[in-house]
Every structure is written in structure tokens, then in C-alpha cells.
C-alpha atoms as a PDB file:
ATOM      1  CA  MET A   1      95.166  96.117 103.981  1.00  0.00           C
ATOM      2  CA  LYS A   2      93.497  97.176 107.196  1.00  0.00           C
ATOM      3  CA  TYR A   3      90.104  97.456 105.724  1.00  0.00           C
ATOM      4  CA  LEU A   4      90.240  94.821 103.193  1.00  0.00           C
ATOM      5  CA  GLY A   5      87.577  92.670 104.829  1.00  0.00           C
ATOM      6  CA  TYR A   6      84.925  95.541 104.519  1.00  0.00           C
ATOM      7  CA  VAL A   7      85.665  96.023 100.753  1.00  0.00           C
ATOM      8  CA  ILE A   8      85.132  92.106 100.409  1.00  0.00           C
ATOM      9  CA  GLY A   9      82.068  92.356 102.421  1.00  0.00           C
ATOM     10  CA  VAL A  10      80.874  95.118 100.111  1.00  0.00           C
ATOM     11  CA  ILE A  11      81.626  92.902  97.056  1.00  0.00           C
ATOM     12  CA  TRP A  12      79.807  89.835  98.683  1.00  0.00           C
ATOM     13  CA  VAL A  13      76.605  92.055  99.251  1.00  0.00           C
ATOM     14  CA  GLY A  14      76.550  92.602  95.683  1.00  0.00           C
ATOM     15  CA  LEU A  15      76.805  88.854  95.023  1.00  0.00           C
ATOM     16  CA  VAL A  16      74.047  88.273  97.654  1.00  0.00           C
ATOM     17  CA  MET A  17      71.941  90.668  95.737  1.00  0.00           C
ATOM     18  CA  ALA A  18      72.271  88.886  92.432  1.00  0.00           C
ATOM     19  CA  ALA A  19      71.772  85.357  94.120  1.00  0.00           C
ATOM     20  CA  PHE A  20      68.502  86.481  95.597  1.00  0.00           C
ATOM     21  CA  GLY A  21      67.592  88.399  92.118  1.00  0.00           C
ATOM     22  CA  ASN A  22      68.081  85.085  90.340  1.00  0.00           C
ATOM     23  CA  ALA A  23      65.985  83.340  92.964  1.00  0.00           C
ATOM     24  CA  ARG A  24      63.213  85.835  92.587  1.00  0.00           C
ATOM     25  CA  ALA A  25      63.342  85.500  88.690  1.00  0.00           C
ATOM     26  CA  GLY A  26      63.327  81.649  88.876  1.00  0.00           C
ATOM     27  CA  ALA A  27      60.248  82.022  91.203  1.00  0.00           C
ATOM     28  CA  ALA A  28      58.595  84.263  88.631  1.00  0.00           C
ATOM     29  CA  ALA A  29      59.327  81.856  85.943  1.00  0.00           C
ATOM     30  CA  ASP A  30      57.578  78.840  87.763  1.00  0.00           C
ATOM     31  CA  GLN A  31      60.878  77.256  88.386  1.00  0.00           C
ATOM     32  CA  PRO A  32      60.774  76.415  92.165  1.00  0.00           C
ATOM     33  CA  ASP A  33      63.970  74.281  92.208  1.00  0.00           C
ATOM     34  CA  VAL A  34      66.047  77.248  90.743  1.00  0.00           C
ATOM     35  CA  ALA A  35      64.350  79.633  93.262  1.00  0.00           C
ATOM     36  CA  PHE A  36      65.024  77.225  96.063  1.00  0.00           C
ATOM     37  CA  TRP A  37      68.949  76.682  95.115  1.00  0.00           C
ATOM     38  CA  TRP A  38      69.581  80.522  94.594  1.00  0.00           C
ATOM     39  CA  THR A  39      68.137  81.118  97.968  1.00  0.00           C
ATOM     40  CA  VAL A  40      70.332  78.724  99.472  1.00  0.00           C
ATOM     41  CA  ILE A  41      73.190  80.236  97.775  1.00  0.00           C
ATOM     42  CA  GLY A  42      72.220  83.638  98.875  1.00  0.00           C
ATOM     43  CA  CYS A  43      71.806  82.577 102.426  1.00  0.00           C
ATOM     44  CA  LEU A  44      75.228  81.093 102.363  1.00  0.00           C
ATOM     45  CA  LEU A  45      76.866  84.181 100.882  1.00  0.00           C
ATOM     46  CA  SER A  46      75.012  86.186 103.357  1.00  0.00           C
ATOM     47  CA  ILE A  47      76.699  84.222 106.235  1.00  0.00           C
ATOM     48  CA  ALA A  48      79.962  84.762 104.682  1.00  0.00           C
ATOM     49  CA  THR A  49      79.446  88.397 104.122  1.00  0.00           C
ATOM     50  CA  LEU A  50      78.631  88.741 107.883  1.00  0.00           C
ATOM     51  CA  GLY A  51      81.836  86.838 108.643  1.00  0.00           C
ATOM     52  CA  ALA A  52      83.873  89.237 106.748  1.00  0.00           C
ATOM     53  CA  PHE A  53      82.450  92.457 108.349  1.00  0.00           C
ATOM     54  CA  ILE A  54      82.411  91.022 111.807  1.00  0.00           C
ATOM     55  CA  GLY A  55      85.696  89.413 111.566  1.00  0.00           C
ATOM     56  CA  THR A  56      87.293  92.803 110.121  1.00  0.00           C
ATOM     57  CA  THR A  57      85.732  94.782 112.932  1.00  0.00           C
ATOM     58  CA  ILE A  58      87.061  92.349 115.659  1.00  0.00           C
ATOM     59  CA  HIS A  59      90.645  92.526 114.163  1.00  0.00           C
ATOM     60  CA  ASN A  60      90.591  96.094 113.853  1.00  0.00           C
ATOM     61  CA  LYS A  61      90.110  96.951 117.417  1.00  0.00           C
ATOM     62  CA  VAL A  62      92.460  99.256 119.057  1.00  0.00           C
ATOM     63  CA  GLY A  63      93.754  98.418 122.718  1.00  0.00           C
ATOM     64  CA  SER A  64      94.713  95.516 124.740  1.00  0.00           C
ATOM     65  CA  ARG A  65      93.571  92.105 123.603  1.00  0.00           C
ATOM     66  CA  PRO A  66      93.374  89.004 125.786  1.00  0.00           C
ATOM     67  CA  HIS A  67      95.985  86.190 124.534  1.00  0.00           C
END
């Protein structure tokens, strides 16, 4: 359970790559609206991925914590 956030982050990296891949495919098919919205989705997933990695790192620190 201690490293579950890292596992979730890795899964979300795969989702980010898929979203940006769909954006690239939409751009190649001359569908700028599809490319735009998949890029937005990819950016939001990237933020969530960073949150999972950073949050897990912060909460797994050993030592004294200010309360």
C-alpha cells in the first residue's frame, strides 16, 4: 500500500501517452477539434500524474513531520 500512488502514476502515464497519441492522430486526420480536446485531456491527466507521484513521495518521507 505504501507505493500504490506510484503504481497509479505509472498507469496514468500510459493514459497520458494514449491521449496525446489520439491528439496526434486527430491532427493527422485534419480534425483540429479532436486534436485540441485530446490535448486538453492529456494535459489534465499529466497534472494528475504529477500529483500522484509528488503526493506519494511527500507522504512516504521518513522522519519528523511538522503538524
